[in-house]
PDB file of N, CA and C in Angstrom:
ATOM      1  N   MET A   1      36.019 119.867  -3.221  1.00  0.00           N
ATOM      2  CA  MET A   1      36.134 118.675  -4.050  1.00  0.00           C
ATOM      3  C   MET A   1      35.558 117.466  -3.297  1.00  0.00           C
ATOM      4  N   THR A   2      35.626 116.328  -3.948  1.00  0.00           N
ATOM      5  CA  THR A   2      35.035 115.099  -3.415  1.00  0.00           C
ATOM      6  C   THR A   2      35.790 114.619  -2.183  1.00  0.00           C
ATOM      7  N   LYS A   3      35.022 114.312  -1.152  1.00  0.00           N
ATOM      8  CA  LYS A   3      35.583 113.756   0.073  1.00  0.00           C
ATOM      9  C   LYS A   3      34.907 112.452   0.441  1.00  0.00           C
ATOM     10  N   LYS A   4      33.876 112.085  -0.317  1.00  0.00           N
ATOM     11  CA  LYS A   4      33.112 110.885  -0.003  1.00  0.00           C
ATOM     12  C   LYS A   4      33.748 109.685  -0.684  1.00  0.00           C
ATOM     13  N   LEU A   5      33.942 108.620   0.092  1.00  0.00           N
ATOM     14  CA  LEU A   5      34.589 107.409  -0.398  1.00  0.00           C
ATOM     15  C   LEU A   5      33.627 106.232  -0.393  1.00  0.00           C
ATOM     16  N   TYR A   6      33.750 105.403  -1.406  1.00  0.00           N
ATOM     17  CA  TYR A   6      33.048 104.128  -1.471  1.00  0.00           C
ATOM     18  C   TYR A   6      33.969 103.089  -0.837  1.00  0.00           C
ATOM     19  N   VAL A   7      33.414 102.230   0.002  1.00  0.00           N
ATOM     20  CA  VAL A   7      34.181 101.157   0.631  1.00  0.00           C
ATOM     21  C   VAL A   7      33.453  99.848   0.340  1.00  0.00           C
ATOM     22  N   GLY A   8      34.071  98.998  -0.463  1.00  0.00           N
ATOM     23  CA  GLY A   8      33.437  97.747  -0.857  1.00  0.00           C
ATOM     24  C   GLY A   8      34.147  96.530  -0.303  1.00  0.00           C
ATOM     25  N   ASN A   9      33.490  95.396  -0.423  1.00  0.00           N
ATOM     26  CA  ASN A   9      33.981  94.095   0.030  1.00  0.00           C
ATOM     27  C   ASN A   9      34.176  94.045   1.545  1.00  0.00           C
ATOM     28  N   LEU A  10      33.311  94.757   2.254  1.00  0.00           N
ATOM     29  CA  LEU A  10      33.388  94.748   3.724  1.00  0.00           C
ATOM     30  C   LEU A  10      32.880  93.422   4.275  1.00  0.00           C
ATOM     31  N   PRO A  11      33.507  92.932   5.332  1.00  0.00           N
ATOM     32  CA  PRO A  11      32.912  91.790   6.030  1.00  0.00           C
ATOM     33  C   PRO A  11      31.531  92.203   6.540  1.00  0.00           C
ATOM     34  N   TYR A  12      30.589  91.292   6.524  1.00  0.00           N
ATOM     35  CA  TYR A  12      29.216  91.611   6.880  1.00  0.00           C
ATOM     36  C   TYR A  12      29.051  92.028   8.339  1.00  0.00           C
ATOM     37  N   GLU A  13      30.027  91.719   9.176  1.00  0.00           N
ATOM     38  CA  GLU A  13      29.944  92.056  10.602  1.00  0.00           C
ATOM     39  C   GLU A  13      30.394  93.478  10.900  1.00  0.00           C
ATOM     40  N   VAL A  14      31.013  94.181   9.952  1.00  0.00           N
ATOM     41  CA  VAL A  14      31.533  95.526  10.200  1.00  0.00           C
ATOM     42  C   VAL A  14      30.369  96.509  10.353  1.00  0.00           C
ATOM     43  N   THR A  15      30.413  97.270  11.454  1.00  0.00           N
ATOM     44  CA  THR A  15      29.393  98.281  11.725  1.00  0.00           C
ATOM     45  C   THR A  15      29.887  99.644  11.255  1.00  0.00           C
ATOM     46  N   GLN A  16      28.986 100.620  11.216  1.00  0.00           N
ATOM     47  CA  GLN A  16      29.433 101.948  10.807  1.00  0.00           C
ATOM     48  C   GLN A  16      30.382 102.555  11.832  1.00  0.00           C
ATOM     49  N   ASP A  17      30.241 102.219  13.098  1.00  0.00           N
ATOM     50  CA  ASP A  17      31.187 102.713  14.109  1.00  0.00           C
ATOM     51  C   ASP A  17      32.573 102.130  13.889  1.00  0.00           C
ATOM     52  N   ARG A  18      32.634 100.850  13.566  1.00  0.00           N
ATOM     53  CA  ARG A  18      33.927 100.205  13.287  1.00  0.00           C
ATOM     54  C   ARG A  18      34.550 100.786  12.018  1.00  0.00           C
ATOM     55  N   LEU A  19      33.725 101.041  11.005  1.00  0.00           N
ATOM     56  CA  LEU A  19      34.207 101.634   9.761  1.00  0.00           C
ATOM     57  C   LEU A  19      34.802 103.016  10.039  1.00  0.00           C
ATOM     58  N   LYS A  20      34.111 103.804  10.836  1.00  0.00           N
ATOM     59  CA  LYS A  20      34.606 105.136  11.205  1.00  0.00           C
ATOM     60  C   LYS A  20      35.937 105.020  11.952  1.00  0.00           C
ATOM     61  N   GLU A  21      35.998 104.115  12.891  1.00  0.00           N
ATOM     62  CA  GLU A  21      37.212 103.909  13.687  1.00  0.00           C
ATOM     63  C   GLU A  21      38.413 103.586  12.789  1.00  0.00           C
ATOM     64  N   ILE A  22      38.216 102.721  11.814  1.00  0.00           N
ATOM     65  CA  ILE A  22      39.293 102.344  10.897  1.00  0.00           C
ATOM     66  C   ILE A  22      39.776 103.557  10.116  1.00  0.00           C
ATOM     67  N   PHE A  23      38.836 104.310   9.531  1.00  0.00           N
ATOM     68  CA  PHE A  23      39.204 105.418   8.653  1.00  0.00           C
ATOM     69  C   PHE A  23      39.712 106.640   9.391  1.00  0.00           C
ATOM     70  N   GLU A  24      39.468 106.740  10.687  1.00  0.00           N
ATOM     71  CA  GLU A  24      40.011 107.846  11.471  1.00  0.00           C
ATOM     72  C   GLU A  24      41.531 107.821  11.522  1.00  0.00           C
ATOM     73  N   GLU A  25      42.134 106.688  11.208  1.00  0.00           N
ATOM     74  CA  GLU A  25      43.598 106.608  11.138  1.00  0.00           C
ATOM     75  C   GLU A  25      44.142 107.479  10.006  1.00  0.00           C
ATOM     76  N   ALA A  26      43.303 107.780   8.998  1.00  0.00           N
ATOM     77  CA  ALA A  26      43.725 108.602   7.861  1.00  0.00           C
ATOM     78  C   ALA A  26      43.346 110.071   8.035  1.00  0.00           C
ATOM     79  N   GLY A  27      42.511 110.383   9.029  1.00  0.00           N
ATOM     80  CA  GLY A  27      42.101 111.765   9.247  1.00  0.00           C
ATOM     81  C   GLY A  27      40.697 111.834   9.833  1.00  0.00           C
ATOM     82  N   LYS A  28      40.154 113.039   9.816  1.00  0.00           N
ATOM     83  CA  LYS A  28      38.832 113.273  10.396  1.00  0.00           C
ATOM     84  C   LYS A  28      37.748 112.646   9.516  1.00  0.00           C
ATOM     85  N   VAL A  29      36.880 111.867  10.152  1.00  0.00           N
ATOM     86  CA  VAL A  29      35.745 111.254   9.463  1.00  0.00           C
ATOM     87  C   VAL A  29      34.496 112.064   9.804  1.00  0.00           C
ATOM     88  N   GLU A  30      33.893 112.656   8.772  1.00  0.00           N
ATOM     89  CA  GLU A  30      32.669 113.446   8.955  1.00  0.00           C
ATOM     90  C   GLU A  30      31.459 112.535   9.152  1.00  0.00           C
ATOM     91  N   ASP A  31      31.425 111.417   8.387  1.00  0.00           N
ATOM     92  CA  ASP A  31      30.286 110.509   8.452  1.00  0.00           C
ATOM     93  C   ASP A  31      30.710 109.147   7.916  1.00  0.00           C
ATOM     94  N   SER A  32      30.049 108.116   8.390  1.00  0.00           N
ATOM     95  CA  SER A  32      30.276 106.770   7.858  1.00  0.00           C
ATOM     96  C   SER A  32      28.947 106.033   7.887  1.00  0.00           C
ATOM     97  N   VAL A  33      28.756 105.171   6.900  1.00  0.00           N
ATOM     98  CA  VAL A  33      27.523 104.397   6.840  1.00  0.00           C
ATOM     99  C   VAL A  33      27.816 103.063   6.172  1.00  0.00           C
ATOM    100  N   VAL A  34      27.246 102.016   6.736  1.00  0.00           N
ATOM    101  CA  VAL A  34      27.272 100.692   6.115  1.00  0.00           C
ATOM    102  C   VAL A  34      25.874 100.481   5.554  1.00  0.00           C
ATOM    103  N   ILE A  35      25.783 100.127   4.285  1.00  0.00           N
ATOM    104  CA  ILE A  35      24.491  99.957   3.630  1.00  0.00           C
ATOM    105  C   ILE A  35      23.868  98.629   4.061  1.00  0.00           C
ATOM    106  N   LEU A  36      22.612  98.718   4.517  1.00  0.00           N
ATOM    107  CA  LEU A  36      21.890  97.554   5.021  1.00  0.00           C
ATOM    108  C   LEU A  36      20.757  97.175   4.078  1.00  0.00           C
ATOM    109  N   ASP A  37      20.479  95.885   4.009  1.00  0.00           N
ATOM    110  CA  ASP A  37      19.333  95.394   3.260  1.00  0.00           C
ATOM    111  C   ASP A  37      18.071  95.844   3.983  1.00  0.00           C
ATOM    112  N   LYS A  38      17.127  96.427   3.243  1.00  0.00           N
ATOM    113  CA  LYS A  38      15.939  96.983   3.899  1.00  0.00           C
ATOM    114  C   LYS A  38      15.007  95.926   4.467  1.00  0.00           C
ATOM    115  N   PHE A  39      15.100  94.699   4.001  1.00  0.00           N
ATOM    116  CA  PHE A  39      14.219  93.639   4.502  1.00  0.00           C
ATOM    117  C   PHE A  39      14.835  92.880   5.674  1.00  0.00           C
ATOM    118  N   SER A  40      16.107  92.501   5.531  1.00  0.00           N
ATOM    119  CA  SER A  40      16.739  91.692   6.580  1.00  0.00           C
ATOM    120  C   SER A  40      17.461  92.535   7.623  1.00  0.00           C
ATOM    121  N   GLY A  41      17.836  93.776   7.254  1.00  0.00           N
ATOM    122  CA  GLY A  41      18.599  94.623   8.172  1.00  0.00           C
ATOM    123  C   GLY A  41      20.065  94.254   8.247  1.00  0.00           C
ATOM    124  N   LYS A  42      20.496  93.302   7.410  1.00  0.00           N
ATOM    125  CA  LYS A  42      21.897  92.866   7.414  1.00  0.00           C
ATOM    126  C   LYS A  42      22.709  93.677   6.414  1.00  0.00           C
ATOM    127  N   SER A  43      24.004  93.769   6.671  1.00  0.00           N
ATOM    128  CA  SER A  43      24.913  94.504   5.797  1.00  0.00           C
ATOM    129  C   SER A  43      24.911  93.925   4.389  1.00  0.00           C
ATOM    130  N   LYS A  44      25.041  94.835   3.411  1.00  0.00           N
ATOM    131  CA  LYS A  44      25.175  94.411   2.015  1.00  0.00           C
ATOM    132  C   LYS A  44      26.655  94.274   1.627  1.00  0.00           C
ATOM    133  N   GLY A  45      27.560  94.560   2.562  1.00  0.00           N
ATOM    134  CA  GLY A  45      28.990  94.385   2.302  1.00  0.00           C
ATOM    135  C   GLY A  45      29.678  95.596   1.699  1.00  0.00           C
ATOM    136  N   PHE A  46      29.012  96.754   1.752  1.00  0.00           N
ATOM    137  CA  PHE A  46      29.666  97.980   1.301  1.00  0.00           C
ATOM    138  C   PHE A  46      29.120  99.164   2.075  1.00  0.00           C
ATOM    139  N   GLY A  47      29.834 100.273   1.977  1.00  0.00           N
ATOM    140  CA  GLY A  47      29.412 101.474   2.680  1.00  0.00           C
ATOM    141  C   GLY A  47      30.113 102.692   2.130  1.00  0.00           C
ATOM    142  N   PHE A  48      29.959 103.810   2.841  1.00  0.00           N
ATOM    143  CA  PHE A  48      30.542 105.076   2.425  1.00  0.00           C
ATOM    144  C   PHE A  48      31.139 105.770   3.637  1.00  0.00           C
ATOM    145  N   VAL A  49      32.237 106.489   3.395  1.00  0.00           N
ATOM    146  CA  VAL A  49      32.894 107.273   4.433  1.00  0.00           C
ATOM    147  C   VAL A  49      33.131 108.658   3.853  1.00  0.00           C
ATOM    148  N   GLU A  50      32.771 109.692   4.615  1.00  0.00           N
ATOM    149  CA  GLU A  50      33.058 111.057   4.190  1.00  0.00           C
ATOM    150  C   GLU A  50      34.181 111.593   5.067  1.00  0.00           C
ATOM    151  N   MET A  51      35.285 111.927   4.414  1.00  0.00           N
ATOM    152  CA  MET A  51      36.461 112.414   5.128  1.00  0.00           C
ATOM    153  C   MET A  51      36.386 113.932   5.272  1.00  0.00           C
ATOM    154  N   GLY A  52      37.183 114.477   6.208  1.00  0.00           N
ATOM    155  CA  GLY A  52      37.180 115.907   6.501  1.00  0.00           C
ATOM    156  C   GLY A  52      37.746 116.781   5.402  1.00  0.00           C
ATOM    157  N   SER A  53      38.639 116.252   4.573  1.00  0.00           N
ATOM    158  CA  SER A  53      39.233 117.026   3.485  1.00  0.00           C
ATOM    159  C   SER A  53      39.579 116.093   2.331  1.00  0.00           C
ATOM    160  N   GLU A  54      39.829 116.677   1.176  1.00  0.00           N
ATOM    161  CA  GLU A  54      40.205 115.867   0.021  1.00  0.00           C
ATOM    162  C   GLU A  54      41.561 115.192   0.252  1.00  0.00           C
ATOM    163  N   GLU A  55      42.472 115.879   0.921  1.00  0.00           N
ATOM    164  CA  GLU A  55      43.783 115.298   1.217  1.00  0.00           C
ATOM    165  C   GLU A  55      43.650 114.063   2.108  1.00  0.00           C
ATOM    166  N   GLU A  56      42.766 114.154   3.103  1.00  0.00           N
ATOM    167  CA  GLU A  56      42.533 113.000   3.984  1.00  0.00           C
ATOM    168  C   GLU A  56      41.864 111.864   3.218  1.00  0.00           C
ATOM    169  N   ALA A  57      40.978 112.207   2.280  1.00  0.00           N
ATOM    170  CA  ALA A  57      40.332 111.181   1.453  1.00  0.00           C
ATOM    171  C   ALA A  57      41.382 110.450   0.604  1.00  0.00           C
ATOM    172  N   LYS A  58      42.286 111.198   0.007  1.00  0.00           N
ATOM    173  CA  LYS A  58      43.350 110.579  -0.803  1.00  0.00           C
ATOM    174  C   LYS A  58      44.237 109.690   0.059  1.00  0.00           C
ATOM    175  N   LYS A  59      44.545 110.162   1.263  1.00  0.00           N
ATOM    176  CA  LYS A  59      45.358 109.370   2.189  1.00  0.00           C
ATOM    177  C   LYS A  59      44.635 108.079   2.567  1.00  0.00           C
ATOM    178  N   ALA A  60      43.315 108.165   2.776  1.00  0.00           N
ATOM    179  CA  ALA A  60      42.530 106.981   3.130  1.00  0.00           C
ATOM    180  C   ALA A  60      42.528 105.972   1.983  1.00  0.00           C
ATOM    181  N   ILE A  61      42.421 106.448   0.748  1.00  0.00           N
ATOM    182  CA  ILE A  61      42.465 105.540  -0.404  1.00  0.00           C
ATOM    183  C   ILE A  61      43.817 104.836  -0.463  1.00  0.00           C
ATOM    184  N   GLU A  62      44.881 105.602  -0.323  1.00  0.00           N
ATOM    185  CA  GLU A  62      46.234 105.024  -0.356  1.00  0.00           C
ATOM    186  C   GLU A  62      46.443 104.026   0.785  1.00  0.00           C
ATOM    187  N   SER A  63      45.926 104.361   1.947  1.00  0.00           N
ATOM    188  CA  SER A  63      46.140 103.515   3.126  1.00  0.00           C
ATOM    189  C   SER A  63      45.261 102.267   3.149  1.00  0.00           C
ATOM    190  N   PHE A  64      44.021 102.379   2.675  1.00  0.00           N
ATOM    191  CA  PHE A  64      43.062 101.307   2.913  1.00  0.00           C
ATOM    192  C   PHE A  64      42.584 100.544   1.686  1.00  0.00           C
ATOM    193  N   ASN A  65      42.893 101.002   0.478  1.00  0.00           N
ATOM    194  CA  ASN A  65      42.514 100.210  -0.694  1.00  0.00           C
ATOM    195  C   ASN A  65      43.374  98.942  -0.678  1.00  0.00           C
ATOM    196  N   GLY A  66      42.742  97.795  -0.569  1.00  0.00           N
ATOM    197  CA  GLY A  66      43.456  96.524  -0.446  1.00  0.00           C
ATOM    198  C   GLY A  66      43.740  96.116   0.996  1.00  0.00           C
ATOM    199  N   TYR A  67      43.357  96.953   1.945  1.00  0.00           N
ATOM    200  CA  TYR A  67      43.539  96.684   3.376  1.00  0.00           C
ATOM    201  C   TYR A  67      42.677  95.482   3.773  1.00  0.00           C
ATOM    202  N   GLN A  68      43.247  94.609   4.580  1.00  0.00           N
ATOM    203  CA  GLN A  68      42.515  93.410   4.978  1.00  0.00           C
ATOM    204  C   GLN A  68      41.802  93.621   6.308  1.00  0.00           C
ATOM    205  N   ILE A  69      40.492  93.383   6.286  1.00  0.00           N
ATOM    206  CA  ILE A  69      39.676  93.381   7.500  1.00  0.00           C
ATOM    207  C   ILE A  69      39.127  91.967   7.610  1.00  0.00           C
ATOM    208  N   GLU A  70      39.461  91.323   8.724  1.00  0.00           N
ATOM    209  CA  GLU A  70      39.139  89.908   8.905  1.00  0.00           C
ATOM    210  C   GLU A  70      39.712  89.139   7.713  1.00  0.00           C
ATOM    211  N   ASP A  71      38.888  88.458   6.927  1.00  0.00           N
ATOM    212  CA  ASP A  71      39.436  87.664   5.824  1.00  0.00           C
ATOM    213  C   ASP A  71      39.175  88.308   4.460  1.00  0.00           C
ATOM    214  N   ARG A  72      38.841  89.617   4.437  1.00  0.00           N
ATOM    215  CA  ARG A  72      38.497  90.271   3.169  1.00  0.00           C
ATOM    216  C   ARG A  72      39.366  91.499   2.928  1.00  0.00           C
ATOM    217  N   LYS A  73      39.789  91.667   1.678  1.00  0.00           N
ATOM    218  CA  LYS A  73      40.512  92.872   1.282  1.00  0.00           C
ATOM    219  C   LYS A  73      39.493  93.867   0.756  1.00  0.00           C
ATOM    220  N   ILE A  74      39.449  95.031   1.418  1.00  0.00           N
ATOM    221  CA  ILE A  74      38.447  96.014   1.036  1.00  0.00           C
ATOM    222  C   ILE A  74      38.890  96.837  -0.172  1.00  0.00           C
ATOM    223  N   LYS A  75      37.915  97.397  -0.857  1.00  0.00           N
ATOM    224  CA  LYS A  75      38.128  98.262  -2.015  1.00  0.00           C
ATOM    225  C   LYS A  75      37.712  99.662  -1.596  1.00  0.00           C
ATOM    226  N   VAL A  76      38.602 100.637  -1.785  1.00  0.00           N
ATOM    227  CA  VAL A  76      38.304 102.021  -1.413  1.00  0.00           C
ATOM    228  C   VAL A  76      38.610 102.925  -2.604  1.00  0.00           C
ATOM    229  N   ASP A  77      37.651 103.775  -2.939  1.00  0.00           N
ATOM    230  CA  ASP A  77      37.825 104.729  -4.038  1.00  0.00           C
ATOM    231  C   ASP A  77      36.857 105.887  -3.825  1.00  0.00           C
ATOM    232  N   PHE A  78      37.051 106.961  -4.593  1.00  0.00           N
ATOM    233  CA  PHE A  78      36.114 108.066  -4.506  1.00  0.00           C
ATOM    234  C   PHE A  78      34.734 107.578  -4.917  1.00  0.00           C
ATOM    235  N   ALA A  79      33.712 108.002  -4.194  1.00  0.00           N
ATOM    236  CA  ALA A  79      32.333 107.625  -4.509  1.00  0.00           C
ATOM    237  C   ALA A  79      31.881 108.364  -5.756  1.00  0.00           C
ATOM    238  N   ARG A  80      31.124 107.670  -6.582  1.00  0.00           N
ATOM    239  CA  ARG A  80      30.534 108.295  -7.772  1.00  0.00           C
ATOM    240  C   ARG A  80      29.138 108.789  -7.421  1.00  0.00           C
ATOM    241  N   PRO A  81      28.674 109.832  -8.115  1.00  0.00           N
ATOM    242  CA  PRO A  81      27.304 110.298  -7.844  1.00  0.00           C
ATOM    243  C   PRO A  81      26.303 109.199  -8.167  1.00  0.00           C
ATOM    244  N   PRO A  82      25.170 109.171  -7.456  1.00  0.00           N
ATOM    245  CA  PRO A  82      24.167 108.138  -7.740  1.00  0.00           C
ATOM    246  C   PRO A  82      23.625 108.282  -9.158  1.00  0.00           C
ATOM    247  N   LYS A  83      23.274 107.146  -9.757  1.00  0.00           N
ATOM    248  CA  LYS A  83      22.699 107.161 -11.099  1.00  0.00           C
ATOM    249  C   LYS A  83      21.264 107.653 -11.018  1.00  0.00           C
ATOM    250  N   LYS A  84      20.870 108.392 -12.036  1.00  0.00           N
ATOM    251  CA  LYS A  84      19.495 108.871 -12.101  1.00  0.00           C
ATOM    252  C   LYS A  84      18.641 107.819 -12.779  1.00  0.00           C
ATOM    253  N   ASN A  85      17.392 107.737 -12.366  1.00  0.00           N
ATOM    254  CA  ASN A  85      16.461 106.808 -13.002  1.00  0.00           C
ATOM    255  C   ASN A  85      16.120 107.309 -14.398  1.00  0.00           C
ATOM    256  N   PHE A  86      16.016 106.386 -15.324  1.00  0.00           N
ATOM    257  CA  PHE A  86      15.602 106.728 -16.676  1.00  0.00           C
ATOM    258  C   PHE A  86      14.105 106.534 -16.772  1.00  0.00           C
ATOM    259  N   SER A  87      13.435 107.429 -17.439  1.00  0.00           N
ATOM    260  CA  SER A  87      11.989 107.332 -17.573  1.00  0.00           C
ATOM    261  C   SER A  87      11.620 107.082 -19.027  1.00  0.00           C
ATOM    262  N   PHE A  88      10.852 106.028 -19.256  1.00  0.00           N
ATOM    263  CA  PHE A  88      10.342 105.692 -20.579  1.00  0.00           C
ATOM    264  C   PHE A  88       8.828 105.624 -20.467  1.00  0.00           C
ATOM    265  N   GLY A  89       8.160 106.674 -20.900  1.00  0.00           N
ATOM    266  CA  GLY A  89       6.711 106.686 -20.765  1.00  0.00           C
ATOM    267  C   GLY A  89       6.329 106.755 -19.299  1.00  0.00           C
ATOM    268  N   LYS A  90       5.531 105.798 -18.867  1.00  0.00           N
ATOM    269  CA  LYS A  90       5.060 105.782 -17.476  1.00  0.00           C
ATOM    270  C   LYS A  90       5.886 104.887 -16.581  1.00  0.00           C
ATOM    271  N   LYS A  91       6.807 104.129 -17.171  1.00  0.00           N
ATOM    272  CA  LYS A  91       7.634 103.234 -16.361  1.00  0.00           C
ATOM    273  C   LYS A  91       8.937 103.917 -15.983  1.00  0.00           C
ATOM    274  N   ASN A  92       9.360 103.715 -14.746  1.00  0.00           N
ATOM    275  CA  ASN A  92      10.664 104.212 -14.297  1.00  0.00           C
ATOM    276  C   ASN A  92      11.590 103.040 -14.114  1.00  0.00           C
ATOM    277  N   PHE A  93      12.783 103.167 -14.628  1.00  0.00           N
ATOM    278  CA  PHE A  93      13.787 102.108 -14.518  1.00  0.00           C
ATOM    279  C   PHE A  93      14.936 102.594 -13.705  1.00  0.00           C
TER     280      PHE A  93
END
């Protein structure tokens, strides 16, 4: 089942190592990533964490949804699959 979590409203200074460190309190973290702007290289304020099991993912949601990091309350939920591009003729949206 799903083990990948979306983490939103992150302070821009949070690194993927710090994100992993936080979520390790709920269990084994397989991977963590903070999404960066491709032009500036700065955080976009959200990321993803993949937990070791679904039970650990549920525990992380319970523990960290609304958790305050610096001056921001983060949002944690199961990640949704990426949206597919729609094609209309030759244009892709």
